[in-house]
Amino acid sequence: MENGNLTSIIRQRRNIKPASMNGKRIPDEQVRELLELADWAPTHGYTEPWHFVVFSGEGVKGFCQSHADIYQANTPADKFSQSTYEKLQQQGDLASHVIAICMKRGTKPAIPELEEIAAVACATQNMWLGATEKGIAGYWGSGGMTFHPAMKEYLELGEADKVLGFFYLGYTDEEIPAGKRLKPAEEKFRWRS
């Protein structure tokens, strides 16, 4: 990939599942650089609502165990699945870092919550594009207990705050899949002159 070519980076960004990562560690400094890119997302009223909780090293394993335990503690016995528990427990085994993607509600209540969520999504996309440029695989997942109040409590968030997912980072030895879109672009745009 041509370094610094934004068009190319956008087109090459992919969701690479953690199971396709190889376990190689990303230097923490590179992850900090990605977080600094996130900090340049657009933000209405400068509320800067993005809040990221970074798990690295043994913290990744600890987070995955906690996620599985939250699932077990908050799932009725008749709906509990041992395979789901184990999947959550092992989800980050090959990831280098896991970043909880959170929205901390700004101090300007006139700004719609949707705009705050959009700002966090933009911040995450900034990280993702930076990761793509550096040859780092990324996966934004929102499964498991992402939206359960117990996860918000685990991440020490306030009542008006939200968890939007988890961003897994790592390296992969697998070939990056070709990009695809299911509908032609013309079906998704409308021009009015």
Protein backbone atom coordinates (compact mmCIF):
# COMPACT_ATOMS: atom_id res chain seq x y z
CA MET A 1 0.00 0.00 0.00
CA GLU A 2 1.21 3.45 -0.84
CA ASN A 3 1.90 5.21 2.46
CA GLY A 4 -0.30 8.25 2.99
CA ASN A 5 -2.69 7.59 0.11
CA LEU A 6 -6.01 8.18 1.86
CA THR A 7 -8.17 6.86 -0.98
CA SER A 8 -6.22 3.60 -1.03
CA ILE A 9 -6.31 3.28 2.77
CA ILE A 10 -10.09 3.79 2.88
CA ARG A 11 -10.64 1.19 0.17
CA GLN A 12 -8.35 -1.34 1.87
CA ARG A 13 -9.80 -1.08 5.37
CA ARG A 14 -11.31 -4.44 6.38
CA ASN A 15 -12.95 -6.06 9.38
CA ILE A 16 -10.50 -8.86 10.26
CA LYS A 17 -11.90 -11.22 12.89
CA PRO A 18 -9.73 -11.84 15.96
CA ALA A 19 -9.48 -15.55 15.09
CA SER A 20 -7.56 -14.49 11.94
CA MET A 21 -4.97 -12.59 13.98
CA ASN A 22 -1.61 -14.22 14.73
CA GLY A 23 -0.90 -13.25 18.36
CA LYS A 24 2.03 -10.94 17.52
CA ARG A 25 2.12 -7.92 19.82
CA ILE A 26 1.68 -4.37 18.54
CA PRO A 27 3.96 -1.87 20.31
CA ASP A 28 1.89 0.19 22.77
CA GLU A 29 3.32 3.35 21.20
CA GLN A 30 1.65 2.49 17.88
CA VAL A 31 -1.68 1.99 19.64
CA ARG A 32 -1.21 5.40 21.31
CA GLU A 33 -0.67 6.88 17.85
CA LEU A 34 -3.98 5.37 16.73
CA LEU A 35 -5.72 6.85 19.77
CA GLU A 36 -4.26 10.25 18.91
CA LEU A 37 -5.78 9.93 15.42
CA ALA A 38 -9.12 9.10 17.05
CA ASP A 39 -8.87 12.32 19.02
CA TRP A 40 -9.07 14.32 15.76
CA ALA A 41 -12.61 13.19 14.95
CA PRO A 42 -15.27 15.82 14.27
CA THR A 43 -17.17 16.86 17.38
CA HIS A 44 -20.16 19.19 17.64
CA GLY A 45 -19.58 21.80 20.33
CA TYR A 46 -16.19 20.27 21.17
CA THR A 47 -17.82 17.74 23.48
CA GLU A 48 -15.25 15.11 22.38
CA PRO A 49 -17.46 12.26 23.62
CA TRP A 50 -15.15 9.38 22.71
CA HIS A 51 -13.80 7.39 25.59
CA PHE A 52 -11.60 4.37 25.01
CA VAL A 53 -10.59 1.75 27.55
CA VAL A 54 -7.48 -0.04 26.28
CA PHE A 55 -6.66 -3.61 27.29
CA SER A 56 -3.16 -4.83 26.47
CA GLY A 57 -0.90 -7.68 27.48
CA GLU A 58 -2.53 -9.78 30.19
CA GLY A 59 -5.32 -7.19 30.28
CA VAL A 60 -6.72 -8.67 27.04
CA LYS A 61 -7.11 -12.08 28.65
CA GLY A 62 -8.57 -10.45 31.77
CA PHE A 63 -11.10 -8.49 29.71
CA CYS A 64 -12.18 -11.59 27.77
CA GLN A 65 -12.61 -13.57 31.00
CA SER A 66 -14.64 -10.72 32.51
CA HIS A 67 -16.80 -10.50 29.39
CA ALA A 68 -17.51 -14.24 29.63
CA ASP A 69 -18.23 -13.94 33.36
CA ILE A 70 -20.64 -11.02 32.76
CA TYR A 71 -22.43 -13.20 30.20
CA GLN A 72 -22.67 -16.10 32.66
CA ALA A 73 -23.84 -13.93 35.56
CA ASN A 74 -26.53 -12.16 33.52
CA THR A 75 -27.91 -14.98 31.38
CA PRO A 76 -30.74 -17.18 32.67
CA ALA A 77 -29.72 -20.83 32.97
CA ASP A 78 -32.14 -21.92 30.24
CA LYS A 79 -30.57 -19.44 27.77
CA PHE A 80 -26.93 -19.90 28.80
CA SER A 81 -24.67 -21.46 26.15
CA GLN A 82 -21.34 -22.95 27.15
CA SER A 83 -20.03 -22.40 23.61
CA THR A 84 -20.91 -18.67 23.79
CA TYR A 85 -19.19 -18.45 27.16
CA GLU A 86 -16.04 -20.07 25.75
CA LYS A 87 -16.13 -17.91 22.60
CA LEU A 88 -16.23 -14.72 24.71
CA GLN A 89 -13.50 -16.11 26.95
CA GLN A 90 -11.21 -16.88 24.00
CA GLN A 91 -12.20 -14.03 21.62
CA GLY A 92 -8.98 -12.10 22.21
CA ASP A 93 -6.51 -14.98 22.39
CA LEU A 94 -4.78 -13.89 19.17
CA ALA A 95 -5.39 -10.13 19.46
CA SER A 96 -2.71 -7.77 20.69
CA HIS A 97 -5.05 -5.13 22.13
CA VAL A 98 -8.77 -4.73 22.76
CA ILE A 99 -10.23 -1.26 22.97
CA ALA A 100 -13.66 -0.67 24.48
CA ILE A 101 -15.40 1.93 22.30
CA CYS A 102 -17.47 4.14 24.57
CA MET A 103 -19.46 7.34 24.31
CA LYS A 104 -19.32 9.58 27.36
CA ARG A 105 -22.19 12.02 27.10
CA GLY A 106 -20.95 15.59 26.80
CA THR A 107 -21.87 18.44 29.10
CA LYS A 108 -24.01 20.12 26.43
CA PRO A 109 -27.42 18.39 26.56
CA ALA A 110 -28.69 20.41 23.57
CA ILE A 111 -26.39 18.35 21.35
CA PRO A 112 -28.36 15.26 20.29
CA GLU A 113 -27.12 11.92 21.56
CA LEU A 114 -27.03 10.67 17.97
CA GLU A 115 -24.40 13.29 17.14
CA GLU A 116 -22.29 12.15 20.09
CA ILE A 117 -22.53 8.54 18.91
CA ALA A 118 -21.60 9.60 15.37
CA ALA A 119 -18.54 11.44 16.71
CA VAL A 120 -17.38 8.27 18.49
CA ALA A 121 -17.90 6.27 15.29
CA CYS A 122 -15.79 8.83 13.41
CA ALA A 123 -13.08 8.57 16.07
CA THR A 124 -13.10 4.79 15.72
CA GLN A 125 -12.88 5.06 11.93
CA ASN A 126 -9.86 7.36 12.33
CA MET A 127 -8.18 4.66 14.45
CA TRP A 128 -9.11 1.99 11.94
CA LEU A 129 -7.74 3.90 8.96
CA GLY A 130 -4.53 4.55 10.89
CA ALA A 131 -4.28 0.84 11.70
CA THR A 132 -4.80 -0.04 8.03
CA GLU A 133 -2.00 2.34 7.05
CA LYS A 134 0.33 0.60 9.56
CA GLY A 135 -0.60 -2.93 8.40
CA ILE A 136 -2.53 -3.64 11.61
CA ALA A 137 -5.72 -5.71 11.42
CA GLY A 138 -8.83 -4.37 13.15
CA TYR A 139 -12.21 -5.77 14.09
CA TRP A 140 -15.12 -3.78 15.55
CA GLY A 141 -17.42 -6.21 17.31
CA SER A 142 -20.59 -5.56 19.25
CA GLY A 143 -21.62 -9.05 20.28
CA GLY A 144 -21.88 -10.73 23.63
CA MET A 145 -22.74 -8.38 26.48
CA THR A 146 -21.70 -5.16 24.75
CA PHE A 147 -25.00 -3.37 25.37
CA HIS A 148 -25.84 -4.89 28.76
CA PRO A 149 -25.84 -2.53 31.78
CA ALA A 150 -23.35 -4.85 33.51
CA MET A 151 -20.77 -4.10 30.81
CA LYS A 152 -21.28 -0.38 31.30
CA GLU A 153 -20.74 -0.88 35.02
CA TYR A 154 -17.61 -2.98 34.38
CA LEU A 155 -16.20 -0.14 32.26
CA GLU A 156 -17.15 2.42 34.96
CA LEU A 157 -19.44 4.45 32.71
CA GLY A 158 -22.25 6.77 33.75
CA GLU A 159 -25.94 6.22 33.13
CA ALA A 160 -26.05 8.46 30.02
CA ASP A 161 -22.89 6.88 28.57
CA LYS A 162 -22.89 4.02 26.04
CA VAL A 163 -20.71 1.12 25.01
CA LEU A 164 -20.60 0.97 21.20
CA GLY A 165 -18.44 -2.11 20.83
CA PHE A 166 -14.95 -3.50 21.14
CA PHE A 167 -12.11 -2.87 18.73
CA TYR A 168 -9.69 -5.81 18.46
CA LEU A 169 -6.25 -5.01 17.07
CA GLY A 170 -3.56 -7.40 15.92
CA TYR A 171 -1.54 -8.63 13.01
CA THR A 172 -2.62 -11.27 10.53
CA ASP A 173 -0.71 -13.62 8.27
CA GLU A 174 -3.81 -14.23 6.16
CA GLU A 175 -4.41 -12.53 2.84
CA ILE A 176 -6.63 -9.49 3.27
CA PRO A 177 -9.91 -10.25 1.50
CA ALA A 178 -10.96 -8.21 -1.50
CA GLY A 179 -13.47 -5.50 -0.76
CA LYS A 180 -17.06 -5.82 -1.86
CA ARG A 181 -20.32 -3.96 -1.76
CA LEU A 182 -23.64 -5.72 -2.33
CA LYS A 183 -25.45 -2.80 -3.96
CA PRO A 184 -24.12 -0.55 -6.71
CA ALA A 185 -23.13 2.91 -5.50
CA GLU A 186 -25.71 4.50 -7.79
CA GLU A 187 -28.49 2.91 -5.71
CA LYS A 188 -27.24 4.60 -2.54
CA PHE A 189 -26.81 8.16 -3.77
CA ARG A 190 -29.35 10.65 -5.03
CA TRP A 191 -28.45 13.96 -6.65
CA ARG A 192 -30.73 16.96 -6.79
CA SER A 193 -29.71 19.96 -8.83
